[in-house]
Amino acid sequence: VGPALEKEKICKGLERTGYVLLETQ
C-alpha cells in the first residue's frame, strides 16, 4: 500500500527475489 512509483520499486525488487507480483494490467 502506498504511492505508485515507490510501490513499483519495492514490488519489482521483491519479484526478482521470487515473490509472485500480480498487477491489474
mmCIF file of all heavy atoms, coordinates in Angstrom:
data_MODEL
# 
_entry.id   MODEL 
# 
loop_
_atom_site.group_PDB 
_atom_site.id 
_atom_site.type_symbol 
_atom_site.label_atom_id 
_atom_site.label_alt_id 
_atom_site.label_comp_id 
_atom_site.label_asym_id 
_atom_site.label_entity_id 
_atom_site.label_seq_id 
_atom_site.pdbx_PDB_ins_code 
_atom_site.Cartn_x 
_atom_site.Cartn_y 
_atom_site.Cartn_z 
_atom_site.occupancy 
_atom_site.B_iso_or_equiv 
_atom_site.pdbx_formal_charge 
_atom_site.auth_seq_id 
_atom_site.auth_comp_id 
_atom_site.auth_asym_id 
_atom_site.auth_atom_id 
_atom_site.pdbx_PDB_model_num 
ATOM 1   N N   . VAL A 1 1  ? 0.847  -1.194  0.000   1.00 0.00 ? 1  VAL A N   1 
ATOM 2   C CA  . VAL A 1 1  ? 0.000  0.000   0.000   1.00 0.00 ? 1  VAL A CA  1 
ATOM 3   C C   . VAL A 1 1  ? 0.882  1.243   0.000   1.00 0.00 ? 1  VAL A C   1 
ATOM 4   O O   . VAL A 1 1  ? 1.786  1.370   0.830   1.00 0.00 ? 1  VAL A O   1 
ATOM 5   C CB  . VAL A 1 1  ? -0.919 0.023   1.243   1.00 0.00 ? 1  VAL A CB  1 
ATOM 6   C CG1 . VAL A 1 1  ? -1.785 1.268   1.250   1.00 0.00 ? 1  VAL A CG1 1 
ATOM 7   C CG2 . VAL A 1 1  ? -1.780 -1.236  1.289   1.00 0.00 ? 1  VAL A CG2 1 
ATOM 8   N N   . GLY A 1 2  ? 0.606  2.172   -0.924  1.00 0.00 ? 2  GLY A N   1 
ATOM 9   C CA  . GLY A 1 2  ? 1.374  3.408   -0.949  1.00 0.00 ? 2  GLY A CA  1 
ATOM 10  C C   . GLY A 1 2  ? 1.407  4.032   -2.324  1.00 0.00 ? 2  GLY A C   1 
ATOM 11  O O   . GLY A 1 2  ? 0.730  3.573   -3.249  1.00 0.00 ? 2  GLY A O   1 
ATOM 12  N N   . PRO A 1 3  ? 2.200  5.110   -2.506  1.00 0.00 ? 3  PRO A N   1 
ATOM 13  C CA  . PRO A 1 3  ? 2.322  5.783   -3.799  1.00 0.00 ? 3  PRO A CA  1 
ATOM 14  C C   . PRO A 1 3  ? 2.807  4.832   -4.887  1.00 0.00 ? 3  PRO A C   1 
ATOM 15  O O   . PRO A 1 3  ? 3.653  3.972   -4.638  1.00 0.00 ? 3  PRO A O   1 
ATOM 16  C CB  . PRO A 1 3  ? 3.352  6.891   -3.524  1.00 0.00 ? 3  PRO A CB  1 
ATOM 17  C CG  . PRO A 1 3  ? 3.283  7.129   -2.053  1.00 0.00 ? 3  PRO A CG  1 
ATOM 18  C CD  . PRO A 1 3  ? 2.983  5.790   -1.453  1.00 0.00 ? 3  PRO A CD  1 
ATOM 19  N N   . ALA A 1 4  ? 2.285  5.008   -6.104  1.00 0.00 ? 4  ALA A N   1 
ATOM 20  C CA  . ALA A 1 4  ? 2.531  4.052   -7.187  1.00 0.00 ? 4  ALA A CA  1 
ATOM 21  C C   . ALA A 1 4  ? 4.009  3.874   -7.513  1.00 0.00 ? 4  ALA A C   1 
ATOM 22  O O   . ALA A 1 4  ? 4.489  2.740   -7.649  1.00 0.00 ? 4  ALA A O   1 
ATOM 23  C CB  . ALA A 1 4  ? 1.774  4.496   -8.435  1.00 0.00 ? 4  ALA A CB  1 
ATOM 24  N N   . LEU A 1 5  ? 4.748  4.965   -7.632  1.00 0.00 ? 5  LEU A N   1 
ATOM 25  C CA  . LEU A 1 5  ? 6.149  4.865   -8.036  1.00 0.00 ? 5  LEU A CA  1 
ATOM 26  C C   . LEU A 1 5  ? 6.971  4.130   -6.985  1.00 0.00 ? 5  LEU A C   1 
ATOM 27  O O   . LEU A 1 5  ? 7.800  3.268   -7.312  1.00 0.00 ? 5  LEU A O   1 
ATOM 28  C CB  . LEU A 1 5  ? 6.733  6.258   -8.285  1.00 0.00 ? 5  LEU A CB  1 
ATOM 29  C CG  . LEU A 1 5  ? 8.172  6.300   -8.807  1.00 0.00 ? 5  LEU A CG  1 
ATOM 30  C CD1 . LEU A 1 5  ? 8.277  5.535   -10.121 1.00 0.00 ? 5  LEU A CD1 1 
ATOM 31  C CD2 . LEU A 1 5  ? 8.635  7.742   -8.995  1.00 0.00 ? 5  LEU A CD2 1 
ATOM 32  N N   . GLU A 1 6  ? 6.756  4.446   -5.725  1.00 0.00 ? 6  GLU A N   1 
ATOM 33  C CA  . GLU A 1 6  ? 7.500  3.786   -4.648  1.00 0.00 ? 6  GLU A CA  1 
ATOM 34  C C   . GLU A 1 6  ? 7.112  2.317   -4.542  1.00 0.00 ? 6  GLU A C   1 
ATOM 35  O O   . GLU A 1 6  ? 7.951  1.444   -4.299  1.00 0.00 ? 6  GLU A O   1 
ATOM 36  C CB  . GLU A 1 6  ? 7.252  4.512   -3.328  1.00 0.00 ? 6  GLU A CB  1 
ATOM 37  C CG  . GLU A 1 6  ? 7.775  5.940   -3.309  1.00 0.00 ? 6  GLU A CG  1 
ATOM 38  C CD  . GLU A 1 6  ? 7.473  6.642   -2.000  1.00 0.00 ? 6  GLU A CD  1 
ATOM 39  O OE1 . GLU A 1 6  ? 7.473  5.979   -0.954  1.00 0.00 ? 6  GLU A OE1 1 
ATOM 40  O OE2 . GLU A 1 6  ? 7.233  7.861   -2.029  1.00 0.00 ? 6  GLU A OE2 1 
ATOM 41  N N   . LYS A 1 7  ? 5.812  2.030   -4.715  1.00 0.00 ? 7  LYS A N   1 
ATOM 42  C CA  . LYS A 1 7  ? 5.362  0.638   -4.688  1.00 0.00 ? 7  LYS A CA  1 
ATOM 43  C C   . LYS A 1 7  ? 6.031  -0.171  -5.788  1.00 0.00 ? 7  LYS A C   1 
ATOM 44  O O   . LYS A 1 7  ? 6.444  -1.318  -5.577  1.00 0.00 ? 7  LYS A O   1 
ATOM 45  C CB  . LYS A 1 7  ? 3.842  0.561   -4.866  1.00 0.00 ? 7  LYS A CB  1 
ATOM 46  C CG  . LYS A 1 7  ? 3.038  0.840   -3.633  1.00 0.00 ? 7  LYS A CG  1 
ATOM 47  C CD  . LYS A 1 7  ? 1.607  0.393   -3.785  1.00 0.00 ? 7  LYS A CD  1 
ATOM 48  C CE  . LYS A 1 7  ? 0.896  1.060   -4.941  1.00 0.00 ? 7  LYS A CE  1 
ATOM 49  N NZ  . LYS A 1 7  ? -0.543 0.715   -4.986  1.00 0.00 ? 7  LYS A NZ  1 
ATOM 50  N N   . GLU A 1 8  ? 6.128  0.431   -6.975  1.00 0.00 ? 8  GLU A N   1 
ATOM 51  C CA  . GLU A 1 8  ? 6.702  -0.281  -8.113  1.00 0.00 ? 8  GLU A CA  1 
ATOM 52  C C   . GLU A 1 8  ? 8.146  -0.691  -7.835  1.00 0.00 ? 8  GLU A C   1 
ATOM 53  O O   . GLU A 1 8  ? 8.551  -1.815  -8.129  1.00 0.00 ? 8  GLU A O   1 
ATOM 54  C CB  . GLU A 1 8  ? 6.638  0.593   -9.363  1.00 0.00 ? 8  GLU A CB  1 
ATOM 55  C CG  . GLU A 1 8  ? 7.173  -0.107  -10.607 1.00 0.00 ? 8  GLU A CG  1 
ATOM 56  C CD  . GLU A 1 8  ? 7.066  0.746   -11.852 1.00 0.00 ? 8  GLU A CD  1 
ATOM 57  O OE1 . GLU A 1 8  ? 6.666  1.923   -11.738 1.00 0.00 ? 8  GLU A OE1 1 
ATOM 58  O OE2 . GLU A 1 8  ? 7.402  0.249   -12.935 1.00 0.00 ? 8  GLU A OE2 1 
ATOM 59  N N   . LYS A 1 9  ? 8.923  0.213   -7.249  1.00 0.00 ? 9  LYS A N   1 
ATOM 60  C CA  . LYS A 1 9  ? 10.329 -0.107  -6.965  1.00 0.00 ? 9  LYS A CA  1 
ATOM 61  C C   . LYS A 1 9  ? 10.440 -1.277  -6.004  1.00 0.00 ? 9  LYS A C   1 
ATOM 62  O O   . LYS A 1 9  ? 11.237 -2.200  -6.214  1.00 0.00 ? 9  LYS A O   1 
ATOM 63  C CB  . LYS A 1 9  ? 11.028 1.125   -6.381  1.00 0.00 ? 9  LYS A CB  1 
ATOM 64  C CG  . LYS A 1 9  ? 11.201 2.279   -7.357  1.00 0.00 ? 9  LYS A CG  1 
ATOM 65  C CD  . LYS A 1 9  ? 11.862 3.466   -6.681  1.00 0.00 ? 9  LYS A CD  1 
ATOM 66  C CE  . LYS A 1 9  ? 12.031 4.627   -7.652  1.00 0.00 ? 9  LYS A CE  1 
ATOM 67  N NZ  . LYS A 1 9  ? 12.628 5.812   -6.996  1.00 0.00 ? 9  LYS A NZ  1 
ATOM 68  N N   . ILE A 1 10 ? 9.640  -1.245  -4.942  1.00 0.00 ? 10 ILE A N   1 
ATOM 69  C CA  . ILE A 1 10 ? 9.702  -2.319  -3.946  1.00 0.00 ? 10 ILE A CA  1 
ATOM 70  C C   . ILE A 1 10 ? 9.161  -3.627  -4.519  1.00 0.00 ? 10 ILE A C   1 
ATOM 71  O O   . ILE A 1 10 ? 9.760  -4.697  -4.328  1.00 0.00 ? 10 ILE A O   1 
ATOM 72  C CB  . ILE A 1 10 ? 8.930  -1.909  -2.680  1.00 0.00 ? 10 ILE A CB  1 
ATOM 73  C CG1 . ILE A 1 10 ? 9.704  -0.816  -1.933  1.00 0.00 ? 10 ILE A CG1 1 
ATOM 74  C CG2 . ILE A 1 10 ? 8.693  -3.109  -1.766  1.00 0.00 ? 10 ILE A CG2 1 
ATOM 75  C CD1 . ILE A 1 10 ? 9.022  -0.309  -0.687  1.00 0.00 ? 10 ILE A CD1 1 
ATOM 76  N N   . CYS A 1 11 ? 8.046  -3.558  -5.239  1.00 0.00 ? 11 CYS A N   1 
ATOM 77  C CA  . CYS A 1 11 ? 7.442  -4.780  -5.789  1.00 0.00 ? 11 CYS A CA  1 
ATOM 78  C C   . CYS A 1 11 ? 8.351  -5.440  -6.820  1.00 0.00 ? 11 CYS A C   1 
ATOM 79  O O   . CYS A 1 11 ? 8.495  -6.671  -6.831  1.00 0.00 ? 11 CYS A O   1 
ATOM 80  C CB  . CYS A 1 11 ? 6.089  -4.460  -6.408  1.00 0.00 ? 11 CYS A CB  1 
ATOM 81  S SG  . CYS A 1 11 ? 4.799  -4.119  -5.194  1.00 0.00 ? 11 CYS A SG  1 
ATOM 82  N N   . LYS A 1 12 ? 8.964  -4.654  -7.690  1.00 0.00 ? 12 LYS A N   1 
ATOM 83  C CA  . LYS A 1 12 ? 9.860  -5.225  -8.693  1.00 0.00 ? 12 LYS A CA  1 
ATOM 84  C C   . LYS A 1 12 ? 11.074 -5.858  -8.023  1.00 0.00 ? 12 LYS A C   1 
ATOM 85  O O   . LYS A 1 12 ? 11.577 -6.898  -8.458  1.00 0.00 ? 12 LYS A O   1 
ATOM 86  C CB  . LYS A 1 12 ? 10.307 -4.147  -9.688  1.00 0.00 ? 12 LYS A CB  1 
ATOM 87  C CG  . LYS A 1 12 ? 9.182  -3.618  -10.579 1.00 0.00 ? 12 LYS A CG  1 
ATOM 88  C CD  . LYS A 1 12 ? 8.559  -4.715  -11.422 1.00 0.00 ? 12 LYS A CD  1 
ATOM 89  C CE  . LYS A 1 12 ? 7.488  -4.159  -12.342 1.00 0.00 ? 12 LYS A CE  1 
ATOM 90  N NZ  . LYS A 1 12 ? 6.809  -5.233  -13.128 1.00 0.00 ? 12 LYS A NZ  1 
ATOM 91  N N   . GLY A 1 13 ? 11.559 -5.218  -6.954  1.00 0.00 ? 13 GLY A N   1 
ATOM 92  C CA  . GLY A 1 13 ? 12.676 -5.792  -6.223  1.00 0.00 ? 13 GLY A CA  1 
ATOM 93  C C   . GLY A 1 13 ? 12.310 -7.105  -5.567  1.00 0.00 ? 13 GLY A C   1 
ATOM 94  O O   . GLY A 1 13 ? 13.078 -8.079  -5.606  1.00 0.00 ? 13 GLY A O   1 
ATOM 95  N N   . LEU A 1 14 ? 11.120 -7.165  -4.968  1.00 0.00 ? 14 LEU A N   1 
ATOM 96  C CA  . LEU A 1 14 ? 10.664 -8.407  -4.335  1.00 0.00 ? 14 LEU A CA  1 
ATOM 97  C C   . LEU A 1 14 ? 10.405 -9.487  -5.382  1.00 0.00 ? 14 LEU A C   1 
ATOM 98  O O   . LEU A 1 14 ? 10.676 -10.670 -5.154  1.00 0.00 ? 14 LEU A O   1 
ATOM 99  C CB  . LEU A 1 14 ? 9.399  -8.144  -3.515  1.00 0.00 ? 14 LEU A CB  1 
ATOM 100 C CG  . LEU A 1 14 ? 9.578  -7.309  -2.242  1.00 0.00 ? 14 LEU A CG  1 
ATOM 101 C CD1 . LEU A 1 14 ? 8.228  -6.984  -1.628  1.00 0.00 ? 14 LEU A CD1 1 
ATOM 102 C CD2 . LEU A 1 14 ? 10.467 -8.038  -1.234  1.00 0.00 ? 14 LEU A CD2 1 
ATOM 103 N N   . GLU A 1 15 ? 9.886  -9.071  -6.530  1.00 0.00 ? 15 GLU A N   1 
ATOM 104 C CA  . GLU A 1 15 ? 9.619  -10.047 -7.600  1.00 0.00 ? 15 GLU A CA  1 
ATOM 105 C C   . GLU A 1 15 ? 10.923 -10.707 -8.046  1.00 0.00 ? 15 GLU A C   1 
ATOM 106 O O   . GLU A 1 15 ? 10.951 -11.912 -8.321  1.00 0.00 ? 15 GLU A O   1 
ATOM 107 C CB  . GLU A 1 15 ? 8.947  -9.349  -8.783  1.00 0.00 ? 15 GLU A CB  1 
ATOM 108 C CG  . GLU A 1 15 ? 8.540  -10.302 -9.900  1.00 0.00 ? 15 GLU A CG  1 
ATOM 109 C CD  . GLU A 1 15 ? 7.878  -9.597  -11.060 1.00 0.00 ? 15 GLU A CD  1 
ATOM 110 O OE1 . GLU A 1 15 ? 8.220  -8.413  -11.314 1.00 0.00 ? 15 GLU A OE1 1 
ATOM 111 O OE2 . GLU A 1 15 ? 7.030  -10.209 -11.722 1.00 0.00 ? 15 GLU A OE2 1 
ATOM 112 N N   . ARG A 1 16 ? 12.002 -9.943  -8.108  1.00 0.00 ? 16 ARG A N   1 
ATOM 113 C CA  . ARG A 1 16 ? 13.292 -10.505 -8.520  1.00 0.00 ? 16 ARG A CA  1 
ATOM 114 C C   . ARG A 1 16 ? 13.820 -11.536 -7.519  1.00 0.00 ? 16 ARG A C   1 
ATOM 115 O O   . ARG A 1 16 ? 14.635 -12.386 -7.867  1.00 0.00 ? 16 ARG A O   1 
ATOM 116 C CB  . ARG A 1 16 ? 14.321 -9.384  -8.707  1.00 0.00 ? 16 ARG A CB  1 
ATOM 117 C CG  . ARG A 1 16 ? 14.116 -8.556  -9.965  1.00 0.00 ? 16 ARG A CG  1 
ATOM 118 C CD  . ARG A 1 16 ? 15.320 -7.691  -10.258 1.00 0.00 ? 16 ARG A CD  1 
ATOM 119 N NE  . ARG A 1 16 ? 15.521 -6.669  -9.240  1.00 0.00 ? 16 ARG A NE  1 
ATOM 120 C CZ  . ARG A 1 16 ? 14.981 -5.448  -9.274  1.00 0.00 ? 16 ARG A CZ  1 
ATOM 121 N NH1 . ARG A 1 16 ? 14.201 -5.113  -10.302 1.00 0.00 ? 16 ARG A NH1 1 
ATOM 122 N NH2 . ARG A 1 16 ? 15.216 -4.568  -8.321  1.00 0.00 ? 16 ARG A NH2 1 
ATOM 123 N N   . THR A 1 17 ? 13.338 -11.461 -6.283  1.00 0.00 ? 17 THR A N   1 
ATOM 124 C CA  . THR A 1 17 ? 13.792 -12.423 -5.277  1.00 0.00 ? 17 THR A CA  1 
ATOM 125 C C   . THR A 1 17 ? 12.844 -13.607 -5.128  1.00 0.00 ? 17 THR A C   1 
ATOM 126 O O   . THR A 1 17 ? 13.019 -14.422 -4.218  1.00 0.00 ? 17 THR A O   1 
ATOM 127 C CB  . THR A 1 17 ? 13.973 -11.730 -3.909  1.00 0.00 ? 17 THR A CB  1 
ATOM 128 O OG1 . THR A 1 17 ? 12.702 -11.255 -3.433  1.00 0.00 ? 17 THR A OG1 1 
ATOM 129 C CG2 . THR A 1 17 ? 14.933 -10.559 -4.008  1.00 0.00 ? 17 THR A CG2 1 
ATOM 130 N N   . GLY A 1 18 ? 11.814 -13.689 -5.997  1.00 0.00 ? 18 GLY A N   1 
ATOM 131 C CA  . GLY A 1 18 ? 10.975 -14.883 -6.007  1.00 0.00 ? 18 GLY A CA  1 
ATOM 132 C C   . GLY A 1 18 ? 9.506  -14.696 -5.711  1.00 0.00 ? 18 GLY A C   1 
ATOM 133 O O   . GLY A 1 18 ? 8.715  -15.628 -5.866  1.00 0.00 ? 18 GLY A O   1 
ATOM 134 N N   . TYR A 1 19 ? 9.095  -13.509 -5.256  1.00 0.00 ? 19 TYR A N   1 
ATOM 135 C CA  . TYR A 1 19 ? 7.675  -13.274 -4.980  1.00 0.00 ? 19 TYR A CA  1 
ATOM 136 C C   . TYR A 1 19 ? 6.907  -13.163 -6.304  1.00 0.00 ? 19 TYR A C   1 
ATOM 137 O O   . TYR A 1 19 ? 7.443  -12.736 -7.324  1.00 0.00 ? 19 TYR A O   1 
ATOM 138 C CB  . TYR A 1 19 ? 7.490  -11.994 -4.164  1.00 0.00 ? 19 TYR A CB  1 
ATOM 139 C CG  . TYR A 1 19 ? 8.051  -12.088 -2.763  1.00 0.00 ? 19 TYR A CG  1 
ATOM 140 C CD1 . TYR A 1 19 ? 9.409  -11.838 -2.519  1.00 0.00 ? 19 TYR A CD1 1 
ATOM 141 C CD2 . TYR A 1 19 ? 7.245  -12.443 -1.689  1.00 0.00 ? 19 TYR A CD2 1 
ATOM 142 C CE1 . TYR A 1 19 ? 9.935  -11.933 -1.244  1.00 0.00 ? 19 TYR A CE1 1 
ATOM 143 C CE2 . TYR A 1 19 ? 7.770  -12.545 -0.404  1.00 0.00 ? 19 TYR A CE2 1 
ATOM 144 C CZ  . TYR A 1 19 ? 9.121  -12.285 -0.190  1.00 0.00 ? 19 TYR A CZ  1 
ATOM 145 O OH  . TYR A 1 19 ? 9.638  -12.398 1.073   1.00 0.00 ? 19 TYR A OH  1 
ATOM 146 N N   . VAL A 1 20 ? 5.618  -13.546 -6.278  1.00 0.00 ? 20 VAL A N   1 
ATOM 147 C CA  . VAL A 1 20 ? 4.780  -13.508 -7.476  1.00 0.00 ? 20 VAL A CA  1 
ATOM 148 C C   . VAL A 1 20 ? 3.996  -12.198 -7.465  1.00 0.00 ? 20 VAL A C   1 
ATOM 149 O O   . VAL A 1 20 ? 3.094  -12.008 -6.643  1.00 0.00 ? 20 VAL A O   1 
ATOM 150 C CB  . VAL A 1 20 ? 3.806  -14.706 -7.523  1.00 0.00 ? 20 VAL A CB  1 
ATOM 151 C CG1 . VAL A 1 20 ? 2.957  -14.646 -8.793  1.00 0.00 ? 20 VAL A CG1 1 
ATOM 152 C CG2 . VAL A 1 20 ? 4.572  -16.018 -7.460  1.00 0.00 ? 20 VAL A CG2 1 
ATOM 153 N N   . LEU A 1 21 ? 4.346  -11.298 -8.378  1.00 0.00 ? 21 LEU A N   1 
ATOM 154 C CA  . LEU A 1 21 ? 3.700  -9.982  -8.446  1.00 0.00 ? 21 LEU A CA  1 
ATOM 155 C C   . LEU A 1 21 ? 2.473  -10.056 -9.340  1.00 0.00 ? 21 LEU A C   1 
ATOM 156 O O   . LEU A 1 21 ? 2.559  -10.438 -10.515 1.00 0.00 ? 21 LEU A O   1 
ATOM 157 C CB  . LEU A 1 21 ? 4.689  -8.947  -8.992  1.00 0.00 ? 21 LEU A CB  1 
ATOM 158 C CG  . LEU A 1 21 ? 4.163  -7.521  -9.171  1.00 0.00 ? 21 LEU A CG  1 
ATOM 159 C CD1 . LEU A 1 21 ? 3.645  -6.959  -7.853  1.00 0.00 ? 21 LEU A CD1 1 
ATOM 160 C CD2 . LEU A 1 21 ? 5.254  -6.624  -9.744  1.00 0.00 ? 21 LEU A CD2 1 
ATOM 161 N N   . LEU A 1 22 ? 1.314  -9.689  -8.792  1.00 0.00 ? 22 LEU A N   1 
ATOM 162 C CA  . LEU A 1 22 ? 0.056  -9.691  -9.539  1.00 0.00 ? 22 LEU A CA  1 
ATOM 163 C C   . LEU A 1 22 ? -0.406 -8.249  -9.714  1.00 0.00 ? 22 LEU A C   1 
ATOM 164 O O   . LEU A 1 22 ? -0.737 -7.574  -8.743  1.00 0.00 ? 22 LEU A O   1 
ATOM 165 C CB  . LEU A 1 22 ? -1.001 -10.504 -8.791  1.00 0.00 ? 22 LEU A CB  1 
ATOM 166 C CG  . LEU A 1 22 ? -0.633 -11.962 -8.475  1.00 0.00 ? 22 LEU A CG  1 
ATOM 167 C CD1 . LEU A 1 22 ? -1.752 -12.629 -7.689  1.00 0.00 ? 22 LEU A CD1 1 
ATOM 168 C CD2 . LEU A 1 22 ? -0.324 -12.728 -9.751  1.00 0.00 ? 22 LEU A CD2 1 
ATOM 169 N N   . GLU A 1 23 ? -0.422 -7.785  -10.964 1.00 0.00 ? 23 GLU A N   1 
ATOM 170 C CA  . GLU A 1 23 ? -0.829 -6.415  -11.277 1.00 0.00 ? 23 GLU A CA  1 
ATOM 171 C C   . GLU A 1 23 ? -1.971 -6.438  -12.275 1.00 0.00 ? 23 GLU A C   1 
ATOM 172 O O   . GLU A 1 23 ? -2.040 -7.307  -13.158 1.00 0.00 ? 23 GLU A O   1 
ATOM 173 C CB  . GLU A 1 23 ? 0.344  -5.620  -11.844 1.00 0.00 ? 23 GLU A CB  1 
ATOM 174 C CG  . GLU A 1 23 ? 1.489  -5.431  -10.856 1.00 0.00 ? 23 GLU A CG  1 
ATOM 175 C CD  . GLU A 1 23 ? 2.654  -4.683  -11.468 1.00 0.00 ? 23 GLU A CD  1 
ATOM 176 O OE1 . GLU A 1 23 ? 3.124  -5.106  -12.551 1.00 0.00 ? 23 GLU A OE1 1 
ATOM 177 O OE2 . GLU A 1 23 ? 3.099  -3.674  -10.884 1.00 0.00 ? 23 GLU A OE2 1 
ATOM 178 N N   . THR A 1 24 ? -2.847 -5.457  -12.171 1.00 0.00 ? 24 THR A N   1 
ATOM 179 C CA  . THR A 1 24 ? -4.079 -5.447  -12.963 1.00 0.00 ? 24 THR A CA  1 
ATOM 180 C C   . THR A 1 24 ? -3.828 -5.528  -14.457 1.00 0.00 ? 24 THR A C   1 
ATOM 181 O O   . THR A 1 24 ? -4.371 -6.398  -15.151 1.00 0.00 ? 24 THR A O   1 
ATOM 182 C CB  . THR A 1 24 ? -4.901 -4.186  -12.646 1.00 0.00 ? 24 THR A CB  1 
ATOM 183 O OG1 . THR A 1 24 ? -5.164 -4.133  -11.239 1.00 0.00 ? 24 THR A OG1 1 
ATOM 184 C CG2 . THR A 1 24 ? -6.219 -4.209  -13.400 1.00 0.00 ? 24 THR A CG2 1 
ATOM 185 N N   . GLN A 1 25 ? -3.011 -4.629  -14.996 1.00 0.00 ? 25 GLN A N   1 
ATOM 186 C CA  . GLN A 1 25 ? -2.827 -4.600  -16.444 1.00 0.00 ? 25 GLN A CA  1 
ATOM 187 C C   . GLN A 1 25 ? -2.168 -5.871  -16.962 1.00 0.00 ? 25 GLN A C   1 
ATOM 188 O O   . GLN A 1 25 ? -2.561 -6.400  -18.005 1.00 0.00 ? 25 GLN A O   1 
ATOM 189 C CB  . GLN A 1 25 ? -2.007 -3.377  -16.860 1.00 0.00 ? 25 GLN A CB  1 
ATOM 190 C CG  . GLN A 1 25 ? -1.913 -3.221  -18.375 1.00 0.00 ? 25 GLN A CG  1 
ATOM 191 C CD  . GLN A 1 25 ? -1.358 -1.878  -18.800 1.00 0.00 ? 25 GLN A CD  1 
ATOM 192 O OE1 . GLN A 1 25 ? -1.392 -0.920  -18.039 1.00 0.00 ? 25 GLN A OE1 1 
ATOM 193 N NE2 . GLN A 1 25 ? -0.844 -1.803  -20.010 1.00 0.00 ? 25 GLN A NE2 1 
# 
